[in-house]
C-alpha atoms as a PDB file:
ATOM      1  CA  MET A   1     -26.975  -0.643   4.932  1.00  0.00           C
ATOM      2  CA  PRO A   2     -25.544   2.894   5.549  1.00  0.00           C
ATOM      3  CA  ARG A   3     -21.491   2.932   5.976  1.00  0.00           C
ATOM      4  CA  VAL A   4     -20.600   4.341   9.115  1.00  0.00           C
ATOM      5  CA  SER A   5     -17.157   6.411   9.834  1.00  0.00           C
ATOM      6  CA  TYR A   6     -15.234   7.138  13.239  1.00  0.00           C
ATOM      7  CA  VAL A   7     -14.371  10.677  13.472  1.00  0.00           C
ATOM      8  CA  ASN A   8     -12.518  11.641  16.525  1.00  0.00           C
ATOM      9  CA  GLY A   9     -14.302   9.568  19.026  1.00  0.00           C
ATOM     10  CA  TYR A  10     -17.725   9.529  17.414  1.00  0.00           C
ATOM     11  CA  TYR A  11     -19.241   6.869  14.717  1.00  0.00           C
ATOM     12  CA  GLN A  12     -21.441   8.153  12.703  1.00  0.00           C
ATOM     13  CA  ARG A  13     -22.977   7.621   9.259  1.00  0.00           C
ATOM     14  CA  HIS A  14     -20.497   7.690   6.457  1.00  0.00           C
ATOM     15  CA  GLU A  15     -22.354  10.905   4.088  1.00  0.00           C
ATOM     16  CA  ASP A  16     -22.235  12.914   7.526  1.00  0.00           C
ATOM     17  CA  ALA A  17     -18.627  12.094   9.188  1.00  0.00           C
ATOM     18  CA  LEU A  18     -16.730  15.636   8.609  1.00  0.00           C
ATOM     19  CA  VAL A  19     -13.550  16.869   9.425  1.00  0.00           C
ATOM     20  CA  HIS A  20     -13.055  21.199  10.296  1.00  0.00           C
ATOM     21  CA  VAL A  21     -12.049  22.932   7.922  1.00  0.00           C
ATOM     22  CA  GLU A  22      -8.784  23.641   9.595  1.00  0.00           C
ATOM     23  CA  ASP A  23      -7.397  20.379  10.114  1.00  0.00           C
ATOM     24  CA  ARG A  24      -3.942  20.684   9.059  1.00  0.00           C
ATOM     25  CA  GLY A  25      -4.266  17.228   7.262  1.00  0.00           C
ATOM     26  CA  TYR A  26      -6.920  19.256   4.923  1.00  0.00           C
ATOM     27  CA  GLN A  27      -4.771  22.315   4.341  1.00  0.00           C
ATOM     28  CA  PHE A  28      -1.013  21.258   4.435  1.00  0.00           C
ATOM     29  CA  ALA A  29      -1.410  17.469   3.824  1.00  0.00           C
ATOM     30  CA  ASP A  30      -0.069  17.393   7.476  1.00  0.00           C
ATOM     31  CA  GLY A  31      -0.685  13.641   8.402  1.00  0.00           C
ATOM     32  CA  VAL A  32      -0.011   9.941   7.730  1.00  0.00           C
ATOM     33  CA  TYR A  33      -2.811   7.055   7.060  1.00  0.00           C
ATOM     34  CA  GLU A  34      -2.675   3.377   6.690  1.00  0.00           C
ATOM     35  CA  VAL A  35      -4.716   0.623   4.681  1.00  0.00           C
ATOM     36  CA  CYS A  36      -5.478  -2.404   5.915  1.00  0.00           C
ATOM     37  CA  ALA A  37      -6.985  -5.876   4.064  1.00  0.00           C
ATOM     38  CA  VAL A  38      -9.949  -7.172   5.464  1.00  0.00           C
ATOM     39  CA  LEU A  39     -10.477 -10.922   4.490  1.00  0.00           C
ATOM     40  CA  GLY A  40     -12.499 -12.995   6.016  1.00  0.00           C
ATOM     41  CA  GLY A  41     -13.673 -10.591   8.469  1.00  0.00           C
ATOM     42  CA  VAL A  42     -10.371 -10.493   9.970  1.00  0.00           C
ATOM     43  CA  LEU A  43      -7.456  -7.121   9.680  1.00  0.00           C
ATOM     44  CA  HIS A  44      -5.028  -8.476   7.913  1.00  0.00           C
ATOM     45  CA  ASP A  45      -1.006  -7.905   8.494  1.00  0.00           C
ATOM     46  CA  LEU A  46      -2.406  -5.399  11.666  1.00  0.00           C
ATOM     47  CA  ASP A  47       0.724  -5.468  13.358  1.00  0.00           C
ATOM     48  CA  GLY A  48       3.174  -4.465  10.573  1.00  0.00           C
ATOM     49  CA  HIS A  49       0.700  -1.257   9.733  1.00  0.00           C
ATOM     50  CA  TRP A  50       0.620  -0.657  12.935  1.00  0.00           C
ATOM     51  CA  ASP A  51       4.010  -0.110  13.619  1.00  0.00           C
ATOM     52  CA  ARG A  52       4.969   1.504  10.301  1.00  0.00           C
ATOM     53  CA  LEU A  53       2.034   3.922  11.691  1.00  0.00           C
ATOM     54  CA  LEU A  54       4.266   4.855  14.757  1.00  0.00           C
ATOM     55  CA  ARG A  55       7.223   5.221  12.415  1.00  0.00           C
ATOM     56  CA  SER A  56       5.546   7.752  10.102  1.00  0.00           C
ATOM     57  CA  LEU A  57       4.098   9.600  12.986  1.00  0.00           C
ATOM     58  CA  ASN A  58       7.297   9.805  14.496  1.00  0.00           C
ATOM     59  CA  ASN A  59       9.248  11.215  11.941  1.00  0.00           C
ATOM     60  CA  LEU A  60       6.699  13.720  11.641  1.00  0.00           C
ATOM     61  CA  ASP A  61       6.320  14.114  15.372  1.00  0.00           C
ATOM     62  CA  ILE A  62       2.611  13.745  15.365  1.00  0.00           C
ATOM     63  CA  ASP A  63       1.509  12.716  18.659  1.00  0.00           C
ATOM     64  CA  LEU A  64      -0.470   9.312  18.578  1.00  0.00           C
ATOM     65  CA  PRO A  65      -4.455   9.654  19.742  1.00  0.00           C
ATOM     66  CA  MET A  66      -4.618   6.476  21.468  1.00  0.00           C
ATOM     67  CA  SER A  67      -3.213   3.328  22.289  1.00  0.00           C
ATOM     68  CA  LYS A  68      -2.757   0.348  20.320  1.00  0.00           C
ATOM     69  CA  ALA A  69      -5.782  -1.347  22.060  1.00  0.00           C
ATOM     70  CA  ALA A  70      -8.293   1.083  21.801  1.00  0.00           C
ATOM     71  CA  PHE A  71      -7.388   1.629  18.299  1.00  0.00           C
ATOM     72  CA  THR A  72      -7.901  -1.889  17.397  1.00  0.00           C
ATOM     73  CA  VAL A  73     -11.182  -2.199  19.315  1.00  0.00           C
ATOM     74  CA  VAL A  74     -12.084   1.469  16.954  1.00  0.00           C
ATOM     75  CA  LEU A  75     -11.186  -0.764  13.870  1.00  0.00           C
ATOM     76  CA  LYS A  76     -12.727  -3.963  14.986  1.00  0.00           C
ATOM     77  CA  GLN A  77     -16.441  -1.698  15.718  1.00  0.00           C
ATOM     78  CA  MET A  78     -15.485  -0.622  11.462  1.00  0.00           C
ATOM     79  CA  ILE A  79     -15.757  -3.590  10.112  1.00  0.00           C
ATOM     80  CA  ALA A  80     -18.685  -5.087  12.666  1.00  0.00           C
ATOM     81  CA  LYS A  81     -20.554  -1.207  12.255  1.00  0.00           C
ATOM     82  CA  ASN A  82     -19.919  -1.619   8.584  1.00  0.00           C
ATOM     83  CA  ARG A  83     -20.712  -5.801   8.526  1.00  0.00           C
ATOM     84  CA  LEU A  84     -17.197  -5.982   6.397  1.00  0.00           C
ATOM     85  CA  LYS A  85     -16.211  -9.218   5.232  1.00  0.00           C
ATOM     86  CA  GLU A  86     -13.696  -8.579   1.680  1.00  0.00           C
ATOM     87  CA  GLY A  87     -12.824  -4.698   2.091  1.00  0.00           C
ATOM     88  CA  ILE A  88     -10.479  -2.171   3.318  1.00  0.00           C
ATOM     89  CA  VAL A  89     -10.354  -0.013   6.608  1.00  0.00           C
ATOM     90  CA  TYR A  90      -8.662   3.314   6.291  1.00  0.00           C
ATOM     91  CA  TYR A  91      -7.340   5.434   9.039  1.00  0.00           C
ATOM     92  CA  GLN A  92      -5.518   8.613   9.063  1.00  0.00           C
ATOM     93  CA  ILE A  93      -3.938  10.437  11.926  1.00  0.00           C
ATOM     94  CA  THR A  94      -3.235  14.042  11.024  1.00  0.00           C
ATOM     95  CA  ARG A  95      -1.556  16.485  13.465  1.00  0.00           C
ATOM     96  CA  GLY A  96      -5.103  18.298  14.247  1.00  0.00           C
ATOM     97  CA  VAL A  97      -6.815  21.555  14.015  1.00  0.00           C
ATOM     98  CA  ALA A  98      -4.985  24.934  14.078  1.00  0.00           C
ATOM     99  CA  SER A  99      -5.343  28.374  13.033  1.00  0.00           C
ATOM    100  CA  ARG A 100      -3.962  28.324   9.222  1.00  0.00           C
ATOM    101  CA  ASP A 101      -0.327  28.807   9.783  1.00  0.00           C
ATOM    102  CA  HIS A 102       2.929  27.021   8.442  1.00  0.00           C
ATOM    103  CA  ALA A 103       4.543  27.167  11.976  1.00  0.00           C
ATOM    104  CA  LEU A 104       2.985  25.888  15.210  1.00  0.00           C
ATOM    105  CA  GLY A 105       3.591  27.350  19.040  1.00  0.00           C
ATOM    106  CA  PHE A 106       1.513  24.413  20.295  1.00  0.00           C
ATOM    107  CA  ARG A 107       0.649  20.988  19.352  1.00  0.00           C
ATOM    108  CA  PRO A 108      -2.794  20.514  18.730  1.00  0.00           C
ATOM    109  CA  ARG A 109      -4.965  17.190  19.816  1.00  0.00           C
ATOM    110  CA  PRO A 110      -4.308  14.772  16.355  1.00  0.00           C
ATOM    111  CA  SER A 111      -7.278  14.046  14.302  1.00  0.00           C
ATOM    112  CA  LEU A 112      -8.245  10.287  13.725  1.00  0.00           C
ATOM    113  CA  VAL A 113     -10.734   9.605  10.864  1.00  0.00           C
ATOM    114  CA  VAL A 114     -11.154   5.723  10.331  1.00  0.00           C
ATOM    115  CA  THR A 115     -13.412   4.169   7.680  1.00  0.00           C
ATOM    116  CA  ALA A 116     -13.837   0.917   5.384  1.00  0.00           C
ATOM    117  CA  LYS A 117     -14.955   0.030   2.347  1.00  0.00           C
ATOM    118  CA  ARG A 118     -15.907  -3.180   0.603  1.00  0.00           C
ATOM    119  CA  VAL A 119     -13.577  -4.065  -2.114  1.00  0.00           C
ATOM    120  CA  GLY A 120     -13.762  -7.469  -4.456  1.00  0.00           C
ATOM    121  CA  PHE A 121     -10.734  -8.897  -4.002  1.00  0.00           C
ATOM    122  CA  LYS A 122     -11.323 -11.245  -6.635  1.00  0.00           C
ATOM    123  CA  ASP A 123     -10.980  -9.310  -9.225  1.00  0.00           C
ATOM    124  CA  LYS A 124      -7.729  -8.938  -8.485  1.00  0.00           C
ATOM    125  CA  VAL A 125      -7.113 -12.663  -8.129  1.00  0.00           C
ATOM    126  CA  MET A 126      -8.255 -13.138 -10.861  1.00  0.00           C
ATOM    127  CA  LEU A 127      -6.443 -10.669 -13.205  1.00  0.00           C
ATOM    128  CA  ALA A 128      -3.233 -11.946 -11.097  1.00  0.00           C
ATOM    129  CA  ARG A 129      -3.977 -15.536 -13.510  1.00  0.00           C
ATOM    130  CA  HIS A 130      -3.054 -13.507 -16.786  1.00  0.00           C
ATOM    131  CA  GLY A 131      -1.297 -10.501 -15.278  1.00  0.00           C
ATOM    132  CA  VAL A 132      -1.179  -6.553 -16.031  1.00  0.00           C
ATOM    133  CA  GLY A 133       0.481  -4.183 -17.790  1.00  0.00           C
ATOM    134  CA  VAL A 134       2.491  -1.564 -16.263  1.00  0.00           C
ATOM    135  CA  ILE A 135       4.070   2.113 -17.675  1.00  0.00           C
ATOM    136  CA  MET A 136       7.141   4.108 -16.476  1.00  0.00           C
ATOM    137  CA  ALA A 137       6.737   7.736 -15.509  1.00  0.00           C
ATOM    138  CA  PRO A 138       9.004  10.164 -13.976  1.00  0.00           C
ATOM    139  CA  ASP A 139       8.969  10.062  -9.798  1.00  0.00           C
ATOM    140  CA  MET A 140       7.839  13.565  -8.613  1.00  0.00           C
ATOM    141  CA  ARG A 141       7.547  12.681  -5.380  1.00  0.00           C
ATOM    142  CA  TRP A 142       9.918  14.654  -2.079  1.00  0.00           C
ATOM    143  CA  ALA A 143      13.012  13.335  -0.621  1.00  0.00           C
ATOM    144  CA  ARG A 144      11.159  11.127   2.137  1.00  0.00           C
ATOM    145  CA  CYS A 145       9.272   8.524   0.224  1.00  0.00           C
ATOM    146  CA  ASP A 146       9.683   6.606   3.594  1.00  0.00           C
ATOM    147  CA  ILE A 147       6.741   8.008   5.704  1.00  0.00           C
ATOM    148  CA  LYS A 148       3.119   7.217   4.679  1.00  0.00           C
ATOM    149  CA  SER A 149       1.953  10.981   4.014  1.00  0.00           C
ATOM    150  CA  VAL A 150      -1.354  11.877   2.764  1.00  0.00           C
ATOM    151  CA  ALA A 151       0.268  14.017   0.287  1.00  0.00           C
ATOM    152  CA  LEU A 152       0.042  11.712  -2.806  1.00  0.00           C
ATOM    153  CA  LEU A 153      -0.390  14.300  -5.319  1.00  0.00           C
ATOM    154  CA  PRO A 154       2.170  13.039  -7.452  1.00  0.00           C
ATOM    155  CA  ASN A 155       1.434   9.426  -7.084  1.00  0.00           C
ATOM    156  CA  ILE A 156      -2.048  10.489  -8.014  1.00  0.00           C
ATOM    157  CA  LEU A 157      -0.927  12.115 -11.415  1.00  0.00           C
ATOM    158  CA  VAL A 158       0.928   9.256 -11.882  1.00  0.00           C
ATOM    159  CA  LYS A 159      -1.854   6.536 -11.554  1.00  0.00           C
ATOM    160  CA  GLU A 160      -4.316   8.681 -14.291  1.00  0.00           C
ATOM    161  CA  VAL A 161      -1.142   8.359 -16.462  1.00  0.00           C
ATOM    162  CA  ALA A 162      -1.650   4.807 -16.283  1.00  0.00           C
ATOM    163  CA  ARG A 163      -5.575   4.756 -16.468  1.00  0.00           C
ATOM    164  CA  ARG A 164      -5.393   6.914 -19.622  1.00  0.00           C
ATOM    165  CA  ARG A 165      -3.060   4.523 -21.442  1.00  0.00           C
ATOM    166  CA  GLN A 166      -4.845   1.473 -20.092  1.00  0.00           C
ATOM    167  CA  ALA A 167      -2.494  -0.028 -17.393  1.00  0.00           C
ATOM    168  CA  PHE A 168      -2.855  -1.020 -14.733  1.00  0.00           C
ATOM    169  CA  GLU A 169      -0.541   0.605 -12.623  1.00  0.00           C
ATOM    170  CA  ALA A 170       2.449   2.880 -13.258  1.00  0.00           C
ATOM    171  CA  TRP A 171       6.377   2.293 -11.934  1.00  0.00           C
ATOM    172  CA  MET A 172       7.822   5.506 -11.072  1.00  0.00           C
ATOM    173  CA  VAL A 173      11.616   6.272 -12.354  1.00  0.00           C
ATOM    174  CA  ARG A 174      14.209   8.377 -11.252  1.00  0.00           C
ATOM    175  CA  GLY A 175      17.623   8.903 -12.071  1.00  0.00           C
ATOM    176  CA  GLY A 176      17.277   5.907 -14.787  1.00  0.00           C
ATOM    177  CA  VAL A 177      16.021   3.627 -11.532  1.00  0.00           C
ATOM    178  CA  VAL A 178      12.927   1.957 -10.574  1.00  0.00           C
ATOM    179  CA  THR A 179      11.490   3.234  -7.166  1.00  0.00           C
ATOM    180  CA  GLU A 180       8.482   2.023  -7.205  1.00  0.00           C
ATOM    181  CA  GLY A 181       4.825   1.850  -8.585  1.00  0.00           C
ATOM    182  CA  SER A 182       2.129   4.529  -7.362  1.00  0.00           C
ATOM    183  CA  LEU A 183       0.851   2.409  -4.964  1.00  0.00           C
ATOM    184  CA  SER A 184       2.558  -0.768  -4.736  1.00  0.00           C
ATOM    185  CA  ASN A 185       6.702  -2.301  -4.657  1.00  0.00           C
ATOM    186  CA  SER A 186       8.158  -3.395  -7.465  1.00  0.00           C
ATOM    187  CA  TRP A 187      10.041  -6.018  -8.105  1.00  0.00           C
ATOM    188  CA  ILE A 188      12.011  -8.278 -11.433  1.00  0.00           C
ATOM    189  CA  VAL A 189      13.334 -11.662 -11.604  1.00  0.00           C
ATOM    190  CA  ASP A 190      16.479 -10.428 -13.708  1.00  0.00           C
ATOM    191  CA  GLU A 191      18.579 -12.106 -16.498  1.00  0.00           C
ATOM    192  CA  HIS A 192      20.296 -14.574 -13.970  1.00  0.00           C
ATOM    193  CA  GLY A 193      17.385 -15.378 -12.298  1.00  0.00           C
ATOM    194  CA  VAL A 194      17.621 -13.210  -9.227  1.00  0.00           C
ATOM    195  CA  LEU A 195      14.727 -12.372  -7.614  1.00  0.00           C
ATOM    196  CA  ARG A 196      15.104  -8.055  -7.111  1.00  0.00           C
ATOM    197  CA  THR A 197      13.154  -5.710  -5.458  1.00  0.00           C
ATOM    198  CA  HIS A 198      14.703  -1.431  -4.356  1.00  0.00           C
ATOM    199  CA  PRO A 199      16.170  -1.367  -1.164  1.00  0.00           C
ATOM    200  CA  LEU A 200      14.558   0.145   1.532  1.00  0.00           C
ATOM    201  CA  GLY A 201      15.565   4.127   2.227  1.00  0.00           C
ATOM    202  CA  SER A 202      13.716   7.401   1.837  1.00  0.00           C
ATOM    203  CA  GLN A 203      13.226   6.513  -1.767  1.00  0.00           C
ATOM    204  CA  ILE A 204      10.225   4.082  -1.713  1.00  0.00           C
ATOM    205  CA  LEU A 205       7.938   3.111   1.240  1.00  0.00           C
ATOM    206  CA  GLY A 206       8.490  -0.044   2.609  1.00  0.00           C
ATOM    207  CA  GLY A 207       4.865  -2.099   2.490  1.00  0.00           C
ATOM    208  CA  ILE A 208       3.793  -4.450   4.348  1.00  0.00           C
ATOM    209  CA  THR A 209       3.495  -6.619   1.641  1.00  0.00           C
ATOM    210  CA  ARG A 210       6.951  -6.634   0.312  1.00  0.00           C
ATOM    211  CA  GLN A 211       8.387  -6.637   3.907  1.00  0.00           C
ATOM    212  CA  THR A 212       6.465 -10.807   3.928  1.00  0.00           C
ATOM    213  CA  LEU A 213       7.536 -11.228   0.416  1.00  0.00           C
ATOM    214  CA  CYS A 214      11.144 -10.720   1.340  1.00  0.00           C
ATOM    215  CA  ARG A 215      10.677 -13.138   4.186  1.00  0.00           C
ATOM    216  CA  LEU A 216       9.154 -15.390   2.429  1.00  0.00           C
ATOM    217  CA  ALA A 217      11.406 -14.954  -0.415  1.00  0.00           C
ATOM    218  CA  GLN A 218      14.393 -15.895   1.809  1.00  0.00           C
ATOM    219  CA  ASP A 219      12.436 -19.291   3.587  1.00  0.00           C
ATOM    220  CA  LEU A 220      11.775 -20.511   0.469  1.00  0.00           C
ATOM    221  CA  GLY A 221      15.548 -20.055  -0.700  1.00  0.00           C
ATOM    222  CA  LEU A 222      15.296 -18.064  -3.709  1.00  0.00           C
ATOM    223  CA  SER A 223      18.123 -16.077  -4.734  1.00  0.00           C
ATOM    224  CA  PHE A 224      17.042 -12.598  -3.515  1.00  0.00           C
ATOM    225  CA  GLU A 225      18.597  -9.451  -3.381  1.00  0.00           C
ATOM    226  CA  GLU A 226      17.268  -5.906  -2.233  1.00  0.00           C
ATOM    227  CA  ARG A 227      19.227  -4.056  -4.990  1.00  0.00           C
ATOM    228  CA  ALA A 228      17.503  -1.711  -7.519  1.00  0.00           C
ATOM    229  CA  PHE A 229      16.859  -2.015 -11.397  1.00  0.00           C
ATOM    230  CA  THR A 230      16.631   0.386 -13.899  1.00  0.00           C
ATOM    231  CA  VAL A 231      14.094   0.621 -16.546  1.00  0.00           C
ATOM    232  CA  GLU A 232      16.257  -1.467 -19.190  1.00  0.00           C
ATOM    233  CA  GLU A 233      16.092  -4.498 -16.652  1.00  0.00           C
ATOM    234  CA  ALA A 234      12.997  -4.428 -16.091  1.00  0.00           C
ATOM    235  CA  LYS A 235      12.143  -4.630 -19.721  1.00  0.00           C
ATOM    236  CA  SER A 236      14.564  -7.637 -20.253  1.00  0.00           C
ATOM    237  CA  ALA A 237      13.653  -9.552 -16.968  1.00  0.00           C
ATOM    238  CA  ARG A 238      12.567 -12.989 -16.867  1.00  0.00           C
ATOM    239  CA  GLU A 239       9.365 -12.334 -14.429  1.00  0.00           C
ATOM    240  CA  ALA A 240       7.937  -8.972 -12.899  1.00  0.00           C
ATOM    241  CA  PHE A 241       5.502  -8.410 -10.537  1.00  0.00           C
ATOM    242  CA  LEU A 242       3.700  -5.709  -7.909  1.00  0.00           C
ATOM    243  CA  SER A 243       2.856  -6.122  -3.922  1.00  0.00           C
ATOM    244  CA  SER A 244       0.453  -3.851  -1.778  1.00  0.00           C
ATOM    245  CA  SER A 245      -1.914  -4.897   0.654  1.00  0.00           C
ATOM    246  CA  SER A 246      -4.400  -4.797  -1.731  1.00  0.00           C
ATOM    247  CA  SER A 247      -3.276  -6.303  -4.989  1.00  0.00           C
ATOM    248  CA  PHE A 248      -1.129  -8.939  -2.837  1.00  0.00           C
ATOM    249  CA  VAL A 249       1.263 -10.404  -5.533  1.00  0.00           C
ATOM    250  CA  MET A 250       0.332  -9.238  -9.226  1.00  0.00           C
ATOM    251  CA  PRO A 251       2.552 -10.579 -12.446  1.00  0.00           C
ATOM    252  CA  VAL A 252       3.408  -7.682 -14.236  1.00  0.00           C
ATOM    253  CA  THR A 253       3.255  -9.395 -17.982  1.00  0.00           C
ATOM    254  CA  GLU A 254       3.788  -5.966 -20.171  1.00  0.00           C
ATOM    255  CA  ILE A 255       5.828  -2.554 -19.698  1.00  0.00           C
ATOM    256  CA  ASP A 256       5.174   0.486 -21.661  1.00  0.00           C
ATOM    257  CA  GLY A 257       3.602  -2.427 -24.369  1.00  0.00           C
ATOM    258  CA  VAL A 258       7.180  -5.105 -23.866  1.00  0.00           C
ATOM    259  CA  GLN A 259       6.735  -8.211 -23.009  1.00  0.00           C
ATOM    260  CA  ILE A 260       7.910  -9.611 -20.074  1.00  0.00           C
ATOM    261  CA  GLY A 261       9.311 -12.628 -20.096  1.00  0.00           C
ATOM    262  CA  SER A 262       7.173 -15.443 -21.599  1.00  0.00           C
ATOM    263  CA  GLY A 263       4.275 -13.080 -21.422  1.00  0.00           C
ATOM    264  CA  LEU A 264       2.518 -15.271 -18.734  1.00  0.00           C
ATOM    265  CA  PRO A 265       2.901 -15.120 -14.456  1.00  0.00           C
ATOM    266  CA  GLY A 266       6.460 -15.922 -14.196  1.00  0.00           C
ATOM    267  CA  GLU A 267       7.280 -19.350 -11.949  1.00  0.00           C
ATOM    268  CA  ILE A 268       9.278 -17.623  -9.116  1.00  0.00           C
ATOM    269  CA  THR A 269       6.163 -15.132  -9.388  1.00  0.00           C
ATOM    270  CA  ALA A 270       3.980 -18.383  -8.960  1.00  0.00           C
ATOM    271  CA  GLN A 271       5.914 -19.527  -5.921  1.00  0.00           C
ATOM    272  CA  LEU A 272       6.006 -16.540  -4.102  1.00  0.00           C
ATOM    273  CA  SER A 273       2.242 -16.008  -4.498  1.00  0.00           C
ATOM    274  CA  ALA A 274       1.377 -19.322  -3.291  1.00  0.00           C
ATOM    275  CA  ALA A 275       3.642 -18.751  -0.337  1.00  0.00           C
ATOM    276  CA  TYR A 276       2.098 -15.303   0.519  1.00  0.00           C
ATOM    277  CA  TRP A 277      -1.545 -16.563   0.075  1.00  0.00           C
ATOM    278  CA  ASP A 278      -0.394 -19.770   2.141  1.00  0.00           C
ATOM    279  CA  TYR A 279       0.813 -17.258   4.716  1.00  0.00           C
ATOM    280  CA  VAL A 280      -2.589 -15.170   4.383  1.00  0.00           C
ATOM    281  CA  GLU A 281      -4.831 -18.473   5.212  1.00  0.00           C
ATOM    282  CA  GLY A 282      -2.720 -18.906   8.273  1.00  0.00           C
ATOM    283  CA  GLN A 283      -3.912 -15.399   9.876  1.00  0.00           C
ATOM    284  CA  THR A 284      -6.943 -15.048   8.078  1.00  0.00           C
ATOM    285  CA  GLY A 285      -8.371 -18.262   7.564  1.00  0.00           C
ATOM    286  CA  VAL A 286      -9.201 -17.329   4.093  1.00  0.00           C
ATOM    287  CA  ASN A 287      -8.312 -20.196   1.381  1.00  0.00           C
ATOM    288  CA  HIS A 288     -10.948 -19.775  -0.855  1.00  0.00           C
ATOM    289  CA  TRP A 289      -9.022 -17.905  -3.791  1.00  0.00           C
ATOM    290  CA  ARG A 290      -6.453 -20.467  -4.269  1.00  0.00           C
END
């Protein structure tokens, strides 16, 4: 069946979905976005994504185009119209259409675009049984990484380097410290057995999966700190993994060609992953990947 997209109040065939040439998202990357996983036909972690969307909009002083209730209806309609059981819903809000000028003397009407796409998450779950490799790359991003901006060129560039080097992801480094991946948060279990991830702030995007894992780590009684780690600490870690809304909990077994721990997914990573999938099942009813 043909894909359906939503653009500023209209559902239309994906190939016919267009935005104005002077939309500021296109001209200036003046906008924000979110990506929600759909599991069993259900939006996963919608409240967390909604709260982060509001924070991003507020930080950029962009108006919300509709209420949460209306927005939820649009997302659910997108799932229904695309008959989506497993995949992602992407939604983007830009400042809107205006004659190209850096400064604005008025508030244009924000533009809202929503797309839906089937994604085979089972492949990611299979990868997680063995773990993946990552590389280190310089963090070239702007100073407000906590805003989920559509300005993703630095992320794209390091992700392409990872692809060329046959790595799953690139972990970005600033001042010798690992900040996060091109589209994921970074975690290690250090040599003392402490689970660590970079603290919230302007240097990283606070992932929704990261948020859940922080809570689960505390619920499990794990030794856990939101504390940055260096490249050297990452390569000498007992365990490592990454987290995101589309990769969930993904063990990292190699960094820049250096084996991490035993070279297999670690015990704490497996414990957290199991707790995370219990959480997913509670939200969506999906349990067939255990």
